[in-house]
Amino acid sequence: ILNDNDMSISENVGGLNRHLAKILASQTYTNFRENSKKMLSGF
């Protein structure tokens, strides 16, 4: 389980952290995944 709070003790640094915290948590990507799951039950 990746507990992503965008923090360690100090502020996190690094490209991986920025993507994990910002892109994966973005509403656009979340909506895409949710809509995909709903449509996957189709043809």
PDB file of all heavy atoms in Angstrom:
ATOM      1  N   ILE A   1       0.863  -1.187   0.000  1.00  0.00           N
ATOM      2  CA  ILE A   1       0.000   0.000   0.000  1.00  0.00           C
ATOM      3  C   ILE A   1       0.890   1.225   0.000  1.00  0.00           C
ATOM      4  O   ILE A   1       1.688   1.443   0.921  1.00  0.00           O
ATOM      5  CB  ILE A   1      -0.929   0.009   1.223  1.00  0.00           C
ATOM      6  CG1 ILE A   1      -1.904  -1.169   1.150  1.00  0.00           C
ATOM      7  CG2 ILE A   1      -1.696   1.331   1.310  1.00  0.00           C
ATOM      8  CD1 ILE A   1      -2.851  -1.265   2.334  1.00  0.00           C
ATOM      9  N   LEU A   2       0.762   2.015  -1.047  1.00  0.00           N
ATOM     10  CA  LEU A   2       1.499   3.271  -1.141  1.00  0.00           C
ATOM     11  C   LEU A   2       0.656   4.365  -0.501  1.00  0.00           C
ATOM     12  O   LEU A   2      -0.344   4.814  -1.059  1.00  0.00           O
ATOM     13  CB  LEU A   2       1.792   3.607  -2.603  1.00  0.00           C
ATOM     14  CG  LEU A   2       2.444   4.963  -2.881  1.00  0.00           C
ATOM     15  CD1 LEU A   2       3.749   5.110  -2.113  1.00  0.00           C
ATOM     16  CD2 LEU A   2       2.670   5.151  -4.372  1.00  0.00           C
ATOM     17  N   ASN A   3       1.053   4.765   0.704  1.00  0.00           N
ATOM     18  CA  ASN A   3       0.352   5.827   1.423  1.00  0.00           C
ATOM     19  C   ASN A   3       0.891   7.166   0.941  1.00  0.00           C
ATOM     20  O   ASN A   3       1.965   7.603   1.348  1.00  0.00           O
ATOM     21  CB  ASN A   3       0.563   5.658   2.931  1.00  0.00           C
ATOM     22  CG  ASN A   3      -0.021   6.820   3.711  1.00  0.00           C
ATOM     23  OD1 ASN A   3      -1.030   7.401   3.323  1.00  0.00           O
ATOM     24  ND2 ASN A   3       0.618   7.173   4.812  1.00  0.00           N
ATOM     25  N   ASP A   4       0.162   7.805   0.085  1.00  0.00           N
ATOM     26  CA  ASP A   4       0.624   9.010  -0.613  1.00  0.00           C
ATOM     27  C   ASP A   4       0.013  10.246   0.027  1.00  0.00           C
ATOM     28  O   ASP A   4      -1.136  10.584  -0.205  1.00  0.00           O
ATOM     29  CB  ASP A   4       0.219   8.911  -2.088  1.00  0.00           C
ATOM     30  CG  ASP A   4       0.748  10.050  -2.929  1.00  0.00           C
ATOM     31  OD1 ASP A   4       1.397  10.949  -2.368  1.00  0.00           O
ATOM     32  OD2 ASP A   4       0.500  10.042  -4.151  1.00  0.00           O
ATOM     33  N   ASN A   5       0.806  10.909   0.876  1.00  0.00           N
ATOM     34  CA  ASN A   5       0.338  12.169   1.474  1.00  0.00           C
ATOM     35  C   ASN A   5       1.200  13.345   1.061  1.00  0.00           C
ATOM     36  O   ASN A   5       1.144  14.414   1.659  1.00  0.00           O
ATOM     37  CB  ASN A   5       0.282  12.067   3.005  1.00  0.00           C
ATOM     38  CG  ASN A   5       1.625  11.704   3.616  1.00  0.00           C
ATOM     39  OD1 ASN A   5       2.680  11.960   3.052  1.00  0.00           O
ATOM     40  ND2 ASN A   5       1.589  11.105   4.795  1.00  0.00           N
ATOM     41  N   ASP A   6       2.052  13.114   0.035  1.00  0.00           N
ATOM     42  CA  ASP A   6       2.934  14.156  -0.494  1.00  0.00           C
ATOM     43  C   ASP A   6       3.889  14.666   0.578  1.00  0.00           C
ATOM     44  O   ASP A   6       4.332  15.802   0.543  1.00  0.00           O
ATOM     45  CB  ASP A   6       2.136  15.325  -1.075  1.00  0.00           C
ATOM     46  CG  ASP A   6       2.965  16.132  -2.075  1.00  0.00           C
ATOM     47  OD1 ASP A   6       3.880  15.545  -2.672  1.00  0.00           O
ATOM     48  OD2 ASP A   6       2.698  17.328  -2.244  1.00  0.00           O
ATOM     49  N   MET A   7       4.166  13.839   1.579  1.00  0.00           N
ATOM     50  CA  MET A   7       5.045  14.258   2.668  1.00  0.00           C
ATOM     51  C   MET A   7       5.850  13.056   3.150  1.00  0.00           C
ATOM     52  O   MET A   7       5.381  11.940   3.121  1.00  0.00           O
ATOM     53  CB  MET A   7       4.237  14.770   3.876  1.00  0.00           C
ATOM     54  CG  MET A   7       3.533  16.073   3.658  1.00  0.00           C
ATOM     55  SD  MET A   7       4.665  17.449   3.567  1.00  0.00           S
ATOM     56  CE  MET A   7       5.420  17.350   5.183  1.00  0.00           C
ATOM     57  N   SER A   8       7.082  13.304   3.594  1.00  0.00           N
ATOM     58  CA  SER A   8       7.769  12.343   4.466  1.00  0.00           C
ATOM     59  C   SER A   8       7.891  13.059   5.797  1.00  0.00           C
ATOM     60  O   SER A   8       6.918  13.293   6.475  1.00  0.00           O
ATOM     61  CB  SER A   8       9.127  11.926   3.884  1.00  0.00           C
ATOM     62  OG  SER A   8       9.921  13.040   3.546  1.00  0.00           O
ATOM     63  N   ILE A   9       9.075  13.465   6.216  1.00  0.00           N
ATOM     64  CA  ILE A   9       9.194  14.378   7.353  1.00  0.00           C
ATOM     65  C   ILE A   9       9.327  15.779   6.798  1.00  0.00           C
ATOM     66  O   ILE A   9       8.583  16.689   7.129  1.00  0.00           O
ATOM     67  CB  ILE A   9      10.399  14.004   8.236  1.00  0.00           C
ATOM     68  CG1 ILE A   9      10.175  12.624   8.866  1.00  0.00           C
ATOM     69  CG2 ILE A   9      10.587  15.041   9.342  1.00  0.00           C
ATOM     70  CD1 ILE A   9      11.351  12.123   9.654  1.00  0.00           C
ATOM     71  N   SER A  10      10.281  15.946   5.887  1.00  0.00           N
ATOM     72  CA  SER A  10      10.338  17.171   5.110  1.00  0.00           C
ATOM     73  C   SER A  10       9.474  16.982   3.874  1.00  0.00           C
ATOM     74  O   SER A  10       8.956  15.895   3.623  1.00  0.00           O
ATOM     75  CB  SER A  10      11.784  17.461   4.706  1.00  0.00           C
ATOM     76  OG  SER A  10      12.600  17.666   5.831  1.00  0.00           O
ATOM     77  N   GLU A  11       9.319  18.023   3.096  1.00  0.00           N
ATOM     78  CA  GLU A  11       8.570  17.903   1.857  1.00  0.00           C
ATOM     79  C   GLU A  11       9.309  16.951   0.935  1.00  0.00           C
ATOM     80  O   GLU A  11      10.530  16.961   0.838  1.00  0.00           O
ATOM     81  CB  GLU A  11       8.439  19.274   1.189  1.00  0.00           C
ATOM     82  CG  GLU A  11       7.611  20.262   1.999  1.00  0.00           C
ATOM     83  CD  GLU A  11       7.626  21.640   1.378  1.00  0.00           C
ATOM     84  OE1 GLU A  11       8.158  21.773   0.266  1.00  0.00           O
ATOM     85  OE2 GLU A  11       7.115  22.567   2.007  1.00  0.00           O
ATOM     86  N   ASN A  12       8.553  16.095   0.243  1.00  0.00           N
ATOM     87  CA  ASN A  12       9.177  15.144  -0.653  1.00  0.00           C
ATOM     88  C   ASN A  12       9.720  15.830  -1.888  1.00  0.00           C
ATOM     89  O   ASN A  12       9.244  16.875  -2.311  1.00  0.00           O
ATOM     90  CB  ASN A  12       8.173  14.072  -1.077  1.00  0.00           C
ATOM     91  CG  ASN A  12       7.942  13.072   0.031  1.00  0.00           C
ATOM     92  OD1 ASN A  12       8.837  12.781   0.793  1.00  0.00           O
ATOM     93  ND2 ASN A  12       6.739  12.560   0.121  1.00  0.00           N
ATOM     94  N   VAL A  13      10.722  15.200  -2.468  1.00  0.00           N
ATOM     95  CA  VAL A  13      11.308  15.710  -3.696  1.00  0.00           C
ATOM     96  C   VAL A  13      11.395  14.572  -4.688  1.00  0.00           C
ATOM     97  O   VAL A  13      11.314  13.407  -4.340  1.00  0.00           O
ATOM     98  CB  VAL A  13      12.720  16.289  -3.444  1.00  0.00           C
ATOM     99  CG1 VAL A  13      12.643  17.477  -2.525  1.00  0.00           C
ATOM    100  CG2 VAL A  13      13.653  15.234  -2.879  1.00  0.00           C
ATOM    101  N   GLY A  14      11.560  14.927  -5.962  1.00  0.00           N
ATOM    102  CA  GLY A  14      11.782  13.927  -6.988  1.00  0.00           C
ATOM    103  C   GLY A  14      10.630  13.788  -7.947  1.00  0.00           C
ATOM    104  O   GLY A  14       9.473  14.043  -7.623  1.00  0.00           O
ATOM    105  N   GLY A  15      10.971  13.388  -9.175  1.00  0.00           N
ATOM    106  CA  GLY A  15       9.972  13.275 -10.224  1.00  0.00           C
ATOM    107  C   GLY A  15       8.911  12.247  -9.920  1.00  0.00           C
ATOM    108  O   GLY A  15       7.729  12.458 -10.180  1.00  0.00           O
ATOM    109  N   LEU A  16       9.298  11.104  -9.359  1.00  0.00           N
ATOM    110  CA  LEU A  16       8.315  10.065  -9.047  1.00  0.00           C
ATOM    111  C   LEU A  16       7.273  10.594  -8.088  1.00  0.00           C
ATOM    112  O   LEU A  16       6.070  10.423  -8.285  1.00  0.00           O
ATOM    113  CB  LEU A  16       9.023   8.852  -8.429  1.00  0.00           C
ATOM    114  CG  LEU A  16       8.097   7.770  -7.878  1.00  0.00           C
ATOM    115  CD1 LEU A  16       7.272   7.170  -9.006  1.00  0.00           C
ATOM    116  CD2 LEU A  16       8.898   6.690  -7.168  1.00  0.00           C
ATOM    117  N   ASN A  17       7.726  11.262  -7.038  1.00  0.00           N
ATOM    118  CA  ASN A  17       6.787  11.782  -6.049  1.00  0.00           C
ATOM    119  C   ASN A  17       5.815  12.778  -6.663  1.00  0.00           C
ATOM    120  O   ASN A  17       4.629  12.767  -6.391  1.00  0.00           O
ATOM    121  CB  ASN A  17       7.554  12.428  -4.900  1.00  0.00           C
ATOM    122  CG  ASN A  17       6.633  13.189  -3.976  1.00  0.00           C
ATOM    123  OD1 ASN A  17       6.520  14.403  -4.088  1.00  0.00           O
ATOM    124  ND2 ASN A  17       5.963  12.481  -3.102  1.00  0.00           N
ATOM    125  N   ARG A  18       6.340  13.683  -7.496  1.00  0.00           N
ATOM    126  CA  ARG A  18       5.461  14.699  -8.105  1.00  0.00           C
ATOM    127  C   ARG A  18       4.371  14.041  -8.943  1.00  0.00           C
ATOM    128  O   ARG A  18       3.209  14.434  -8.903  1.00  0.00           O
ATOM    129  CB  ARG A  18       6.302  15.647  -8.963  1.00  0.00           C
ATOM    130  CG  ARG A  18       7.132  16.635  -8.157  1.00  0.00           C
ATOM    131  CD  ARG A  18       7.623  17.768  -9.021  1.00  0.00           C
ATOM    132  NE  ARG A  18       8.502  17.297 -10.081  1.00  0.00           N
ATOM    133  CZ  ARG A  18       9.820  17.155  -9.963  1.00  0.00           C
ATOM    134  NH1 ARG A  18      10.405  17.398  -8.804  1.00  0.00           N
ATOM    135  NH2 ARG A  18      10.546  16.736 -10.973  1.00  0.00           N
ATOM    136  N   HIS A  19       4.740  13.022  -9.714  1.00  0.00           N
ATOM    137  CA  HIS A  19       3.738  12.344 -10.541  1.00  0.00           C
ATOM    138  C   HIS A  19       2.727  11.591  -9.693  1.00  0.00           C
ATOM    139  O   HIS A  19       1.522  11.648  -9.937  1.00  0.00           O
ATOM    140  CB  HIS A  19       4.425  11.390 -11.515  1.00  0.00           C
ATOM    141  CG  HIS A  19       5.069  12.079 -12.672  1.00  0.00           C
ATOM    142  ND1 HIS A  19       4.353  12.761 -13.618  1.00  0.00           N
ATOM    143  CD2 HIS A  19       6.366  12.211 -13.017  1.00  0.00           C
ATOM    144  CE1 HIS A  19       5.171  13.271 -14.525  1.00  0.00           C
ATOM    145  NE2 HIS A  19       6.410  12.955 -14.170  1.00  0.00           N
ATOM    146  N   LEU A  20       3.222  10.881  -8.693  1.00  0.00           N
ATOM    147  CA  LEU A  20       2.309  10.114  -7.844  1.00  0.00           C
ATOM    148  C   LEU A  20       1.279  11.008  -7.184  1.00  0.00           C
ATOM    149  O   LEU A  20       0.095  10.696  -7.141  1.00  0.00           O
ATOM    150  CB  LEU A  20       3.100   9.362  -6.773  1.00  0.00           C
ATOM    151  CG  LEU A  20       3.857   8.121  -7.232  1.00  0.00           C
ATOM    152  CD1 LEU A  20       4.675   7.578  -6.075  1.00  0.00           C
ATOM    153  CD2 LEU A  20       2.923   7.068  -7.764  1.00  0.00           C
ATOM    154  N   ALA A  21       1.743  12.131  -6.667  1.00  0.00           N
ATOM    155  CA  ALA A  21       0.858  12.994  -5.887  1.00  0.00           C
ATOM    156  C   ALA A  21      -0.065  13.839  -6.746  1.00  0.00           C
ATOM    157  O   ALA A  21      -1.165  14.144  -6.343  1.00  0.00           O
ATOM    158  CB  ALA A  21       1.689  13.901  -4.980  1.00  0.00           C
ATOM    159  N   LYS A  22       0.389  14.216  -7.928  1.00  0.00           N
ATOM    160  CA  LYS A  22      -0.377  15.176  -8.720  1.00  0.00           C
ATOM    161  C   LYS A  22      -1.119  14.535  -9.890  1.00  0.00           C
ATOM    162  O   LYS A  22      -2.318  14.736 -10.059  1.00  0.00           O
ATOM    163  CB  LYS A  22       0.568  16.274  -9.222  1.00  0.00           C
ATOM    164  CG  LYS A  22       1.155  17.100  -8.070  1.00  0.00           C
ATOM    165  CD  LYS A  22       2.125  18.156  -8.578  1.00  0.00           C
ATOM    166  CE  LYS A  22       2.714  18.948  -7.411  1.00  0.00           C
ATOM    167  NZ  LYS A  22       3.710  19.946  -7.847  1.00  0.00           N
ATOM    168  N   ILE A  23      -0.414  13.759 -10.703  1.00  0.00           N
ATOM    169  CA  ILE A  23      -1.064  13.218 -11.897  1.00  0.00           C
ATOM    170  C   ILE A  23      -2.038  12.103 -11.544  1.00  0.00           C
ATOM    171  O   ILE A  23      -3.197  12.119 -11.944  1.00  0.00           O
ATOM    172  CB  ILE A  23      -0.013  12.713 -12.895  1.00  0.00           C
ATOM    173  CG1 ILE A  23       0.862  13.889 -13.356  1.00  0.00           C
ATOM    174  CG2 ILE A  23      -0.685  12.061 -14.092  1.00  0.00           C
ATOM    175  CD1 ILE A  23       1.985  13.479 -14.278  1.00  0.00           C
ATOM    176  N   LEU A  24      -1.568  11.138 -10.744  1.00  0.00           N
ATOM    177  CA  LEU A  24      -2.439  10.010 -10.428  1.00  0.00           C
ATOM    178  C   LEU A  24      -3.651  10.439  -9.617  1.00  0.00           C
ATOM    179  O   LEU A  24      -4.690   9.800  -9.667  1.00  0.00           O
ATOM    180  CB  LEU A  24      -1.663   8.942  -9.674  1.00  0.00           C
ATOM    181  CG  LEU A  24      -0.728   8.085 -10.536  1.00  0.00           C
ATOM    182  CD1 LEU A  24       0.039   7.123  -9.659  1.00  0.00           C
ATOM    183  CD2 LEU A  24      -1.494   7.339 -11.600  1.00  0.00           C
ATOM    184  N   ALA A  25      -3.503  11.512  -8.854  1.00  0.00           N
ATOM    185  CA  ALA A  25      -4.615  11.981  -8.034  1.00  0.00           C
ATOM    186  C   ALA A  25      -5.482  12.996  -8.776  1.00  0.00           C
ATOM    187  O   ALA A  25      -6.437  13.510  -8.215  1.00  0.00           O
ATOM    188  CB  ALA A  25      -4.089  12.604  -6.741  1.00  0.00           C
ATOM    189  N   SER A  26      -5.139  13.277 -10.017  1.00  0.00           N
ATOM    190  CA  SER A  26      -5.896  14.286 -10.750  1.00  0.00           C
ATOM    191  C   SER A  26      -7.295  13.779 -11.073  1.00  0.00           C
ATOM    192  O   SER A  26      -7.513  12.576 -11.283  1.00  0.00           O
ATOM    193  CB  SER A  26      -5.181  14.653 -12.052  1.00  0.00           C
ATOM    194  OG  SER A  26      -5.226  13.574 -12.964  1.00  0.00           O
ATOM    195  N   GLN A  27      -8.230  14.710 -11.143  1.00  0.00           N
ATOM    196  CA  GLN A  27      -9.612  14.333 -11.414  1.00  0.00           C
ATOM    197  C   GLN A  27      -9.762  13.767 -12.820  1.00  0.00           C
ATOM    198  O   GLN A  27     -10.556  12.855 -13.059  1.00  0.00           O
ATOM    199  CB  GLN A  27     -10.521  15.560 -11.248  1.00  0.00           C
ATOM    200  CG  GLN A  27     -12.002  15.217 -11.207  1.00  0.00           C
ATOM    201  CD  GLN A  27     -12.346  14.313 -10.037  1.00  0.00           C
ATOM    202  OE1 GLN A  27     -11.934  14.588  -8.921  1.00  0.00           O
ATOM    203  NE2 GLN A  27     -13.075  13.237 -10.286  1.00  0.00           N
ATOM    204  N   THR A  28      -8.964  14.258 -13.748  1.00  0.00           N
ATOM    205  CA  THR A  28      -9.059  13.788 -15.135  1.00  0.00           C
ATOM    206  C   THR A  28      -8.757  12.305 -15.225  1.00  0.00           C
ATOM    207  O   THR A  28      -9.497  11.521 -15.815  1.00  0.00           O
ATOM    208  CB  THR A  28      -8.077  14.574 -16.028  1.00  0.00           C
ATOM    209  OG1 THR A  28      -8.400  15.953 -15.938  1.00  0.00           O
ATOM    210  CG2 THR A  28      -8.172  14.110 -17.475  1.00  0.00           C
ATOM    211  N   TYR A  29      -7.639  11.912 -14.605  1.00  0.00           N
ATOM    212  CA  TYR A  29      -7.251  10.512 -14.667  1.00  0.00           C
ATOM    213  C   TYR A  29      -8.220   9.635 -13.881  1.00  0.00           C
ATOM    214  O   TYR A  29      -8.608   8.546 -14.317  1.00  0.00           O
ATOM    215  CB  TYR A  29      -5.830  10.332 -14.142  1.00  0.00           C
ATOM    216  CG  TYR A  29      -5.384   8.886 -14.157  1.00  0.00           C
ATOM    217  CD1 TYR A  29      -5.264   8.190 -15.352  1.00  0.00           C
ATOM    218  CD2 TYR A  29      -5.108   8.221 -12.964  1.00  0.00           C
ATOM    219  CE1 TYR A  29      -4.869   6.874 -15.369  1.00  0.00           C
ATOM    220  CE2 TYR A  29      -4.715   6.891 -12.979  1.00  0.00           C
ATOM    221  CZ  TYR A  29      -4.602   6.226 -14.185  1.00  0.00           C
ATOM    222  OH  TYR A  29      -4.218   4.921 -14.198  1.00  0.00           O
ATOM    223  N   THR A  30      -8.660  10.113 -12.731  1.00  0.00           N
ATOM    224  CA  THR A  30      -9.601   9.345 -11.913  1.00  0.00           C
ATOM    225  C   THR A  30     -10.911   9.133 -12.665  1.00  0.00           C
ATOM    226  O   THR A  30     -11.463   8.029 -12.693  1.00  0.00           O
ATOM    227  CB  THR A  30      -9.874  10.075 -10.589  1.00  0.00           C
ATOM    228  OG1 THR A  30      -8.631  10.287  -9.914  1.00  0.00           O
ATOM    229  CG2 THR A  30     -10.787   9.257  -9.696  1.00  0.00           C
ATOM    230  N   ASN A  31     -11.413  10.190 -13.277  1.00  0.00           N
ATOM    231  CA  ASN A  31     -12.652  10.073 -14.051  1.00  0.00           C
ATOM    232  C   ASN A  31     -12.496   9.092 -15.206  1.00  0.00           C
ATOM    233  O   ASN A  31     -13.390   8.308 -15.504  1.00  0.00           O
ATOM    234  CB  ASN A  31     -13.073  11.443 -14.592  1.00  0.00           C
ATOM    235  CG  ASN A  31     -13.571  12.361 -13.491  1.00  0.00           C
ATOM    236  OD1 ASN A  31     -13.894  11.911 -12.397  1.00  0.00           O
ATOM    237  ND2 ASN A  31     -13.621  13.653 -13.763  1.00  0.00           N
ATOM    238  N   PHE A  32     -11.328   9.142 -15.845  1.00  0.00           N
ATOM    239  CA  PHE A  32     -11.100   8.229 -16.966  1.00  0.00           C
ATOM    240  C   PHE A  32     -11.180   6.776 -16.507  1.00  0.00           C
ATOM    241  O   PHE A  32     -11.830   5.940 -17.130  1.00  0.00           O
ATOM    242  CB  PHE A  32      -9.737   8.515 -17.609  1.00  0.00           C
ATOM    243  CG  PHE A  32      -9.390   7.536 -18.699  1.00  0.00           C
ATOM    244  CD1 PHE A  32      -9.884   7.709 -19.980  1.00  0.00           C
ATOM    245  CD2 PHE A  32      -8.595   6.420 -18.435  1.00  0.00           C
ATOM    246  CE1 PHE A  32      -9.585   6.797 -20.983  1.00  0.00           C
ATOM    247  CE2 PHE A  32      -8.295   5.518 -19.417  1.00  0.00           C
ATOM    248  CZ  PHE A  32      -8.783   5.707 -20.703  1.00  0.00           C
ATOM    249  N   ARG A  33     -10.528   6.496 -15.392  1.00  0.00           N
ATOM    250  CA  ARG A  33     -10.536   5.117 -14.892  1.00  0.00           C
ATOM    251  C   ARG A  33     -11.946   4.670 -14.518  1.00  0.00           C
ATOM    252  O   ARG A  33     -12.367   3.559 -14.829  1.00  0.00           O
ATOM    253  CB  ARG A  33      -9.612   4.988 -13.685  1.00  0.00           C
ATOM    254  CG  ARG A  33      -8.145   4.884 -14.022  1.00  0.00           C
ATOM    255  CD  ARG A  33      -7.332   4.515 -12.808  1.00  0.00           C
ATOM    256  NE  ARG A  33      -7.631   3.165 -12.334  1.00  0.00           N
ATOM    257  CZ  ARG A  33      -6.938   2.092 -12.679  1.00  0.00           C
ATOM    258  NH1 ARG A  33      -5.918   2.201 -13.492  1.00  0.00           N
ATOM    259  NH2 ARG A  33      -7.255   0.904 -12.208  1.00  0.00           N
ATOM    260  N   GLU A  34     -12.676   5.557 -13.828  1.00  0.00           N
ATOM    261  CA  GLU A  34     -14.025   5.189 -13.394  1.00  0.00           C
ATOM    262  C   GLU A  34     -14.935   4.962 -14.588  1.00  0.00           C
ATOM    263  O   GLU A  34     -15.715   4.006 -14.626  1.00  0.00           O
ATOM    264  CB  GLU A  34     -14.588   6.270 -12.470  1.00  0.00           C
ATOM    265  CG  GLU A  34     -13.874   6.368 -11.131  1.00  0.00           C
ATOM    266  CD  GLU A  34     -13.846   5.047 -10.405  1.00  0.00           C
ATOM    267  OE1 GLU A  34     -14.902   4.391 -10.324  1.00  0.00           O
ATOM    268  OE2 GLU A  34     -12.762   4.653  -9.937  1.00  0.00           O
ATOM    269  N   ASN A  35     -14.874   5.839 -15.568  1.00  0.00           N
ATOM    270  CA  ASN A  35     -15.714   5.668 -16.770  1.00  0.00           C
ATOM    271  C   ASN A  35     -15.333   4.402 -17.529  1.00  0.00           C
ATOM    272  O   ASN A  35     -16.185   3.700 -18.072  1.00  0.00           O
ATOM    273  CB  ASN A  35     -15.570   6.892 -17.682  1.00  0.00           C
ATOM    274  CG  ASN A  35     -16.193   8.129 -17.068  1.00  0.00           C
ATOM    275  OD1 ASN A  35     -17.092   8.027 -16.231  1.00  0.00           O
ATOM    276  ND2 ASN A  35     -15.721   9.302 -17.461  1.00  0.00           N
ATOM    277  N   SER A  36     -14.027   4.120 -17.536  1.00  0.00           N
ATOM    278  CA  SER A  36     -13.581   2.912 -18.226  1.00  0.00           C
ATOM    279  C   SER A  36     -14.156   1.667 -17.580  1.00  0.00           C
ATOM    280  O   SER A  36     -14.613   0.752 -18.256  1.00  0.00           O
ATOM    281  CB  SER A  36     -12.044   2.846 -18.221  1.00  0.00           C
ATOM    282  OG  SER A  36     -11.493   3.939 -18.920  1.00  0.00           O
ATOM    283  N   LYS A  37     -14.141   1.639 -16.241  1.00  0.00           N
ATOM    284  CA  LYS A  37     -14.649   0.471 -15.527  1.00  0.00           C
ATOM    285  C   LYS A  37     -16.127   0.239 -15.834  1.00  0.00           C
ATOM    286  O   LYS A  37     -16.578  -0.893 -15.976  1.00  0.00           O
ATOM    287  CB  LYS A  37     -14.451   0.649 -14.028  1.00  0.00           C
ATOM    288  CG  LYS A  37     -12.991   0.562 -13.592  1.00  0.00           C
ATOM    289  CD  LYS A  37     -12.841   0.864 -12.111  1.00  0.00           C
ATOM    290  CE  LYS A  37     -11.389   0.838 -11.682  1.00  0.00           C
ATOM    291  NZ  LYS A  37     -11.232   1.218 -10.268  1.00  0.00           N
ATOM    292  N   LYS A  38     -16.891   1.334 -15.915  1.00  0.00           N
ATOM    293  CA  LYS A  38     -18.318   1.200 -16.196  1.00  0.00           C
ATOM    294  C   LYS A  38     -18.544   0.639 -17.595  1.00  0.00           C
ATOM    295  O   LYS A  38     -19.423  -0.180 -17.818  1.00  0.00           O
ATOM    296  CB  LYS A  38     -18.999   2.562 -16.059  1.00  0.00           C
ATOM    297  CG  LYS A  38     -19.026   3.094 -14.627  1.00  0.00           C
ATOM    298  CD  LYS A  38     -19.627   4.488 -14.570  1.00  0.00           C
ATOM    299  CE  LYS A  38     -19.606   5.036 -13.141  1.00  0.00           C
ATOM    300  NZ  LYS A  38     -20.129   6.418 -13.081  1.00  0.00           N
ATOM    301  N   MET A  39     -17.714   1.087 -18.530  1.00  0.00           N
ATOM    302  CA  MET A  39     -17.903   0.662 -19.914  1.00  0.00           C
ATOM    303  C   MET A  39     -17.339  -0.734 -20.176  1.00  0.00           C
ATOM    304  O   MET A  39     -17.703  -1.385 -21.148  1.00  0.00           O
ATOM    305  CB  MET A  39     -17.250   1.677 -20.858  1.00  0.00           C
ATOM    306  CG  MET A  39     -17.896   3.066 -20.787  1.00  0.00           C
ATOM    307  SD  MET A  39     -17.118   4.255 -21.897  1.00  0.00           S
ATOM    308  CE  MET A  39     -17.600   3.585 -23.478  1.00  0.00           C
ATOM    309  N   LEU A  40     -16.448  -1.194 -19.303  1.00  0.00           N
ATOM    310  CA  LEU A  40     -15.827  -2.500 -19.536  1.00  0.00           C
ATOM    311  C   LEU A  40     -16.824  -3.652 -19.458  1.00  0.00           C
ATOM    312  O   LEU A  40     -16.538  -4.755 -19.901  1.00  0.00           O
ATOM    313  CB  LEU A  40     -14.692  -2.730 -18.527  1.00  0.00           C
ATOM    314  CG  LEU A  40     -13.405  -1.955 -18.812  1.00  0.00           C
ATOM    315  CD1 LEU A  40     -12.400  -2.190 -17.688  1.00  0.00           C
ATOM    316  CD2 LEU A  40     -12.793  -2.355 -20.142  1.00  0.00           C
ATOM    317  N   SER A  41     -17.969  -3.380 -18.848  1.00  0.00           N
ATOM    318  CA  SER A  41     -18.982  -4.438 -18.752  1.00  0.00           C
ATOM    319  C   SER A  41     -19.756  -4.606 -20.057  1.00  0.00           C
ATOM    320  O   SER A  41     -20.566  -5.497 -20.192  1.00  0.00           O
ATOM    321  CB  SER A  41     -19.961  -4.105 -17.614  1.00  0.00           C
ATOM    322  OG  SER A  41     -20.583  -2.853 -17.864  1.00  0.00           O
ATOM    323  N   GLY A  42     -19.445  -3.764 -21.035  1.00  0.00           N
ATOM    324  CA  GLY A  42     -20.148  -3.815 -22.316  1.00  0.00           C
ATOM    325  C   GLY A  42     -19.523  -4.785 -23.296  1.00  0.00           C
ATOM    326  O   GLY A  42     -19.004  -5.827 -22.931  1.00  0.00           O
ATOM    327  N   PHE A  43     -19.547  -4.399 -24.610  1.00  0.00           N
ATOM    328  CA  PHE A  43     -19.103  -5.295 -25.668  1.00  0.00           C
ATOM    329  C   PHE A  43     -17.596  -5.527 -25.609  1.00  0.00           C
ATOM    330  O   PHE A  43     -16.822  -4.658 -25.232  1.00  0.00           O
ATOM    331  CB  PHE A  43     -19.487  -4.716 -27.038  1.00  0.00           C
ATOM    332  CG  PHE A  43     -20.968  -4.559 -27.198  1.00  0.00           C
ATOM    333  CD1 PHE A  43     -21.562  -3.315 -27.080  1.00  0.00           C
ATOM    334  CD2 PHE A  43     -21.768  -5.664 -27.439  1.00  0.00           C
ATOM    335  CE1 PHE A  43     -22.933  -3.176 -27.224  1.00  0.00           C
ATOM    336  CE2 PHE A  43     -23.136  -5.527 -27.570  1.00  0.00           C
ATOM    337  CZ  PHE A  43     -23.728  -4.288 -27.462  1.00  0.00           C
TER     338      PHE A  43
END
